[in-house]
């Protein structure tokens, strides 16, 4: 299994231009209700997103 790649909101938006920073921040703000908590690590105020878990979450939303 590959080690997780953690990205900031800015880095994730740059890597996946289909998602703007504001849209990613909205997803993160609502992560308790949309299930994105599994892809997020928060250390203090720093929020990091596990890229592999984020992509898996996106794929799971396709079926919803």
PDB file of N, CA and C in Angstrom:
ATOM      1  N   UNK A   1       0.841  -1.181   0.000  1.00  0.00           N
ATOM      2  CA  UNK A   1       0.000   0.000   0.000  1.00  0.00           C
ATOM      3  C   UNK A   1       0.881   1.238   0.000  1.00  0.00           C
ATOM      4  N   UNK A   2       0.492   2.237  -0.752  1.00  0.00           N
ATOM      5  CA  UNK A   2       1.266   3.473  -0.830  1.00  0.00           C
ATOM      6  C   UNK A   2       1.051   4.309   0.418  1.00  0.00           C
ATOM      7  N   UNK A   3       2.099   5.047   0.797  1.00  0.00           N
ATOM      8  CA  UNK A   3       1.959   5.983   1.903  1.00  0.00           C
ATOM      9  C   UNK A   3       1.033   7.099   1.473  1.00  0.00           C
ATOM     10  N   UNK A   4       0.226   7.615   2.400  1.00  0.00           N
ATOM     11  CA  UNK A   4      -0.690   8.696   2.030  1.00  0.00           C
ATOM     12  C   UNK A   4       0.052   9.964   1.647  1.00  0.00           C
ATOM     13  N   UNK A   5      -0.499  10.674   0.696  1.00  0.00           N
ATOM     14  CA  UNK A   5       0.025  11.970   0.263  1.00  0.00           C
ATOM     15  C   UNK A   5      -0.913  13.019   0.826  1.00  0.00           C
ATOM     16  N   UNK A   6      -0.426  13.820   1.765  1.00  0.00           N
ATOM     17  CA  UNK A   6      -1.249  14.852   2.377  1.00  0.00           C
ATOM     18  C   UNK A   6      -1.035  16.175   1.671  1.00  0.00           C
ATOM     19  N   UNK A   7      -2.142  16.833   1.324  1.00  0.00           N
ATOM     20  CA  UNK A   7      -2.101  18.097   0.602  1.00  0.00           C
ATOM     21  C   UNK A   7      -2.916  19.144   1.335  1.00  0.00           C
ATOM     22  N   UNK A   8      -2.518  20.391   1.194  1.00  0.00           N
ATOM     23  CA  UNK A   8      -3.328  21.492   1.698  1.00  0.00           C
ATOM     24  C   UNK A   8      -4.459  21.746   0.705  1.00  0.00           C
ATOM     25  N   UNK A   9      -5.397  22.591   1.090  1.00  0.00           N
ATOM     26  CA  UNK A   9      -6.506  22.941   0.199  1.00  0.00           C
ATOM     27  C   UNK A   9      -5.952  23.554  -1.084  1.00  0.00           C
ATOM     28  N   UNK A  10      -4.977  24.438  -0.948  1.00  0.00           N
ATOM     29  CA  UNK A  10      -4.387  25.106  -2.120  1.00  0.00           C
ATOM     30  C   UNK A  10      -3.728  24.090  -3.054  1.00  0.00           C
ATOM     31  N   UNK A  11      -2.979  23.156  -2.480  1.00  0.00           N
ATOM     32  CA  UNK A  11      -2.298  22.146  -3.292  1.00  0.00           C
ATOM     33  C   UNK A  11      -3.294  21.223  -3.981  1.00  0.00           C
ATOM     34  N   UNK A  12      -4.355  20.848  -3.270  1.00  0.00           N
ATOM     35  CA  UNK A  12      -5.364  19.970  -3.863  1.00  0.00           C
ATOM     36  C   UNK A  12      -6.086  20.666  -5.009  1.00  0.00           C
ATOM     37  N   UNK A  13      -6.410  21.956  -4.827  1.00  0.00           N
ATOM     38  CA  UNK A  13      -7.075  22.718  -5.888  1.00  0.00           C
ATOM     39  C   UNK A  13      -6.168  22.865  -7.107  1.00  0.00           C
ATOM     40  N   UNK A  14      -4.864  23.020  -6.881  1.00  0.00           N
ATOM     41  CA  UNK A  14      -3.929  23.138  -7.999  1.00  0.00           C
ATOM     42  C   UNK A  14      -3.801  21.811  -8.749  1.00  0.00           C
ATOM     43  N   UNK A  15      -3.838  20.710  -8.006  1.00  0.00           N
ATOM     44  CA  UNK A  15      -3.682  19.393  -8.624  1.00  0.00           C
ATOM     45  C   UNK A  15      -4.958  18.934  -9.327  1.00  0.00           C
ATOM     46  N   UNK A  16      -6.119  19.347  -8.785  1.00  0.00           N
ATOM     47  CA  UNK A  16      -7.415  18.973  -9.347  1.00  0.00           C
ATOM     48  C   UNK A  16      -8.191  20.261  -9.660  1.00  0.00           C
ATOM     49  N   UNK A  17      -7.930  20.880 -10.808  1.00  0.00           N
ATOM     50  CA  UNK A  17      -8.549  22.181 -11.117  1.00  0.00           C
ATOM     51  C   UNK A  17     -10.073  22.144 -11.262  1.00  0.00           C
ATOM     52  N   UNK A  18     -10.662  20.975 -11.283  1.00  0.00           N
ATOM     53  CA  UNK A  18     -12.123  20.896 -11.328  1.00  0.00           C
ATOM     54  C   UNK A  18     -12.734  21.415 -10.029  1.00  0.00           C
ATOM     55  N   UNK A  19     -11.925  21.483  -8.972  1.00  0.00           N
ATOM     56  CA  UNK A  19     -12.390  21.949  -7.670  1.00  0.00           C
ATOM     57  C   UNK A  19     -11.679  23.239  -7.307  1.00  0.00           C
ATOM     58  N   UNK A  20     -12.449  24.285  -7.087  1.00  0.00           N
ATOM     59  CA  UNK A  20     -11.861  25.559  -6.659  1.00  0.00           C
ATOM     60  C   UNK A  20     -11.574  25.486  -5.159  1.00  0.00           C
ATOM     61  N   UNK A  21     -10.727  26.386  -4.678  1.00  0.00           N
ATOM     62  CA  UNK A  21     -10.448  26.439  -3.248  1.00  0.00           C
ATOM     63  C   UNK A  21     -11.719  26.671  -2.436  1.00  0.00           C
ATOM     64  N   UNK A  22     -12.587  27.626  -2.845  1.00  0.00           N
ATOM     65  CA  UNK A  22     -13.825  27.809  -2.066  1.00  0.00           C
ATOM     66  C   UNK A  22     -14.705  26.557  -2.029  1.00  0.00           C
ATOM     67  N   UNK A  23     -14.788  25.825  -3.135  1.00  0.00           N
ATOM     68  CA  UNK A  23     -15.627  24.622  -3.130  1.00  0.00           C
ATOM     69  C   UNK A  23     -15.022  23.545  -2.225  1.00  0.00           C
ATOM     70  N   UNK A  24     -13.706  23.422  -2.227  1.00  0.00           N
ATOM     71  CA  UNK A  24     -13.052  22.467  -1.325  1.00  0.00           C
ATOM     72  C   UNK A  24     -13.256  22.873   0.132  1.00  0.00           C
ATOM     73  N   UNK A  25     -13.145  24.166   0.410  1.00  0.00           N
ATOM     74  CA  UNK A  25     -13.366  24.640   1.785  1.00  0.00           C
ATOM     75  C   UNK A  25     -14.807  24.378   2.221  1.00  0.00           C
ATOM     76  N   UNK A  26     -15.769  24.520   1.324  1.00  0.00           N
ATOM     77  CA  UNK A  26     -17.159  24.219   1.647  1.00  0.00           C
ATOM     78  C   UNK A  26     -17.311  22.736   1.968  1.00  0.00           C
ATOM     79  N   UNK A  27     -16.677  21.873   1.156  1.00  0.00           N
ATOM     80  CA  UNK A  27     -16.726  20.430   1.422  1.00  0.00           C
ATOM     81  C   UNK A  27     -16.126  20.112   2.786  1.00  0.00           C
ATOM     82  N   UNK A  28     -14.997  20.761   3.101  1.00  0.00           N
ATOM     83  CA  UNK A  28     -14.341  20.526   4.387  1.00  0.00           C
ATOM     84  C   UNK A  28     -15.188  21.036   5.549  1.00  0.00           C
ATOM     85  N   UNK A  29     -15.821  22.185   5.380  1.00  0.00           N
ATOM     86  CA  UNK A  29     -16.663  22.743   6.427  1.00  0.00           C
ATOM     87  C   UNK A  29     -17.823  21.796   6.745  1.00  0.00           C
ATOM     88  N   UNK A  30     -18.322  21.105   5.736  1.00  0.00           N
ATOM     89  CA  UNK A  30     -19.459  20.193   5.889  1.00  0.00           C
ATOM     90  C   UNK A  30     -19.037  18.727   5.976  1.00  0.00           C
ATOM     91  N   UNK A  31     -17.793  18.465   6.311  1.00  0.00           N
ATOM     92  CA  UNK A  31     -17.276  17.087   6.277  1.00  0.00           C
ATOM     93  C   UNK A  31     -17.975  16.149   7.249  1.00  0.00           C
ATOM     94  N   UNK A  32     -18.552  16.666   8.317  1.00  0.00           N
ATOM     95  CA  UNK A  32     -19.267  15.800   9.264  1.00  0.00           C
ATOM     96  C   UNK A  32     -20.528  15.216   8.632  1.00  0.00           C
ATOM     97  N   UNK A  33     -21.158  15.954   7.750  1.00  0.00           N
ATOM     98  CA  UNK A  33     -22.403  15.474   7.139  1.00  0.00           C
ATOM     99  C   UNK A  33     -22.192  14.815   5.782  1.00  0.00           C
ATOM    100  N   UNK A  34     -21.088  15.139   5.088  1.00  0.00           N
ATOM    101  CA  UNK A  34     -20.896  14.565   3.752  1.00  0.00           C
ATOM    102  C   UNK A  34     -19.943  13.365   3.741  1.00  0.00           C
ATOM    103  N   UNK A  35     -19.385  13.002   4.901  1.00  0.00           N
ATOM    104  CA  UNK A  35     -18.541  11.818   4.986  1.00  0.00           C
ATOM    105  C   UNK A  35     -17.086  12.027   4.637  1.00  0.00           C
ATOM    106  N   UNK A  36     -16.662  13.259   4.457  1.00  0.00           N
ATOM    107  CA  UNK A  36     -15.282  13.534   4.059  1.00  0.00           C
ATOM    108  C   UNK A  36     -14.299  13.456   5.233  1.00  0.00           C
ATOM    109  N   UNK A  37     -14.793  13.239   6.437  1.00  0.00           N
ATOM    110  CA  UNK A  37     -13.922  13.199   7.613  1.00  0.00           C
ATOM    111  C   UNK A  37     -12.826  12.144   7.498  1.00  0.00           C
ATOM    112  N   UNK A  38     -13.076  11.070   6.755  1.00  0.00           N
ATOM    113  CA  UNK A  38     -12.082   9.998   6.629  1.00  0.00           C
ATOM    114  C   UNK A  38     -10.849  10.441   5.845  1.00  0.00           C
ATOM    115  N   UNK A  39     -10.963  11.531   5.091  1.00  0.00           N
ATOM    116  CA  UNK A  39      -9.846  11.995   4.265  1.00  0.00           C
ATOM    117  C   UNK A  39      -9.129  13.200   4.862  1.00  0.00           C
ATOM    118  N   UNK A  40      -9.554  13.643   6.042  1.00  0.00           N
ATOM    119  CA  UNK A  40      -9.027  14.890   6.603  1.00  0.00           C
ATOM    120  C   UNK A  40      -8.259  14.628   7.882  1.00  0.00           C
ATOM    121  N   UNK A  41      -7.098  15.276   7.976  1.00  0.00           N
ATOM    122  CA  UNK A  41      -6.301  15.284   9.199  1.00  0.00           C
ATOM    123  C   UNK A  41      -6.145  16.736   9.597  1.00  0.00           C
ATOM    124  N   UNK A  42      -6.519  17.037  10.841  1.00  0.00           N
ATOM    125  CA  UNK A  42      -6.388  18.413  11.322  1.00  0.00           C
ATOM    126  C   UNK A  42      -5.435  18.430  12.507  1.00  0.00           C
ATOM    127  N   UNK A  43      -4.406  19.257  12.388  1.00  0.00           N
ATOM    128  CA  UNK A  43      -3.428  19.443  13.446  1.00  0.00           C
ATOM    129  C   UNK A  43      -3.467  20.920  13.806  1.00  0.00           C
ATOM    130  N   UNK A  44      -4.079  21.229  14.921  1.00  0.00           N
ATOM    131  CA  UNK A  44      -4.286  22.629  15.259  1.00  0.00           C
ATOM    132  C   UNK A  44      -5.211  23.258  14.233  1.00  0.00           C
ATOM    133  N   UNK A  45      -4.751  24.344  13.631  1.00  0.00           N
ATOM    134  CA  UNK A  45      -5.544  24.999  12.581  1.00  0.00           C
ATOM    135  C   UNK A  45      -5.222  24.468  11.190  1.00  0.00           C
ATOM    136  N   UNK A  46      -4.161  23.682  11.085  1.00  0.00           N
ATOM    137  CA  UNK A  46      -3.735  23.148   9.791  1.00  0.00           C
ATOM    138  C   UNK A  46      -4.617  21.985   9.380  1.00  0.00           C
ATOM    139  N   UNK A  47      -5.200  22.086   8.193  1.00  0.00           N
ATOM    140  CA  UNK A  47      -6.056  21.029   7.651  1.00  0.00           C
ATOM    141  C   UNK A  47      -5.346  20.412   6.463  1.00  0.00           C
ATOM    142  N   UNK A  48      -5.149  19.101   6.527  1.00  0.00           N
ATOM    143  CA  UNK A  48      -4.505  18.364   5.438  1.00  0.00           C
ATOM    144  C   UNK A  48      -5.475  17.321   4.910  1.00  0.00           C
ATOM    145  N   UNK A  49      -5.417  17.094   3.610  1.00  0.00           N
ATOM    146  CA  UNK A  49      -6.311  16.143   2.964  1.00  0.00           C
ATOM    147  C   UNK A  49      -5.479  14.988   2.415  1.00  0.00           C
ATOM    148  N   UNK A  50      -5.874  13.781   2.775  1.00  0.00           N
ATOM    149  CA  UNK A  50      -5.248  12.571   2.242  1.00  0.00           C
ATOM    150  C   UNK A  50      -5.766  12.408   0.813  1.00  0.00           C
ATOM    151  N   UNK A  51      -4.876  12.556  -0.151  1.00  0.00           N
ATOM    152  CA  UNK A  51      -5.281  12.559  -1.562  1.00  0.00           C
ATOM    153  C   UNK A  51      -5.982  11.265  -1.966  1.00  0.00           C
ATOM    154  N   UNK A  52      -5.428  10.122  -1.578  1.00  0.00           N
ATOM    155  CA  UNK A  52      -6.035   8.840  -1.957  1.00  0.00           C
ATOM    156  C   UNK A  52      -7.425   8.685  -1.353  1.00  0.00           C
ATOM    157  N   UNK A  53      -7.585   9.089  -0.089  1.00  0.00           N
ATOM    158  CA  UNK A  53      -8.886   8.992   0.566  1.00  0.00           C
ATOM    159  C   UNK A  53      -9.881   9.965  -0.068  1.00  0.00           C
ATOM    160  N   UNK A  54      -9.400  11.140  -0.498  1.00  0.00           N
ATOM    161  CA  UNK A  54     -10.269  12.118  -1.158  1.00  0.00           C
ATOM    162  C   UNK A  54     -10.790  11.553  -2.479  1.00  0.00           C
ATOM    163  N   UNK A  55      -9.918  10.956  -3.269  1.00  0.00           N
ATOM    164  CA  UNK A  55     -10.332  10.367  -4.549  1.00  0.00           C
ATOM    165  C   UNK A  55     -11.309   9.210  -4.307  1.00  0.00           C
ATOM    166  N   UNK A  56     -11.049   8.396  -3.289  1.00  0.00           N
ATOM    167  CA  UNK A  56     -11.964   7.295  -2.960  1.00  0.00           C
ATOM    168  C   UNK A  56     -13.326   7.850  -2.538  1.00  0.00           C
ATOM    169  N   UNK A  57     -13.316   8.949  -1.768  1.00  0.00           N
ATOM    170  CA  UNK A  57     -14.572   9.578  -1.366  1.00  0.00           C
ATOM    171  C   UNK A  57     -15.324  10.101  -2.585  1.00  0.00           C
ATOM    172  N   UNK A  58     -14.610  10.717  -3.531  1.00  0.00           N
ATOM    173  CA  UNK A  58     -15.254  11.193  -4.754  1.00  0.00           C
ATOM    174  C   UNK A  58     -15.923  10.060  -5.507  1.00  0.00           C
ATOM    175  N   UNK A  59     -15.206   8.957  -5.631  1.00  0.00           N
ATOM    176  CA  UNK A  59     -15.751   7.795  -6.349  1.00  0.00           C
ATOM    177  C   UNK A  59     -16.973   7.236  -5.637  1.00  0.00           C
ATOM    178  N   UNK A  60     -16.992   7.266  -4.330  1.00  0.00           N
ATOM    179  CA  UNK A  60     -18.147   6.759  -3.596  1.00  0.00           C
ATOM    180  C   UNK A  60     -19.353   7.679  -3.761  1.00  0.00           C
ATOM    181  N   UNK A  61     -19.117   8.960  -4.007  1.00  0.00           N
ATOM    182  CA  UNK A  61     -20.203   9.914  -4.215  1.00  0.00           C
ATOM    183  C   UNK A  61     -20.890   9.695  -5.553  1.00  0.00           C
ATOM    184  N   UNK A  62     -20.183   9.098  -6.483  1.00  0.00           N
ATOM    185  CA  UNK A  62     -20.749   8.837  -7.813  1.00  0.00           C
ATOM    186  C   UNK A  62     -21.989   7.950  -7.702  1.00  0.00           C
ATOM    187  N   UNK A  63     -21.946   7.011  -6.764  1.00  0.00           N
ATOM    188  CA  UNK A  63     -23.057   6.086  -6.589  1.00  0.00           C
ATOM    189  C   UNK A  63     -24.201   6.707  -5.803  1.00  0.00           C
ATOM    190  N   UNK A  64     -23.907   7.761  -5.049  1.00  0.00           N
ATOM    191  CA  UNK A  64     -24.936   8.375  -4.195  1.00  0.00           C
ATOM    192  C   UNK A  64     -25.912   9.216  -4.988  1.00  0.00           C
TER     193      UNK A  64
END
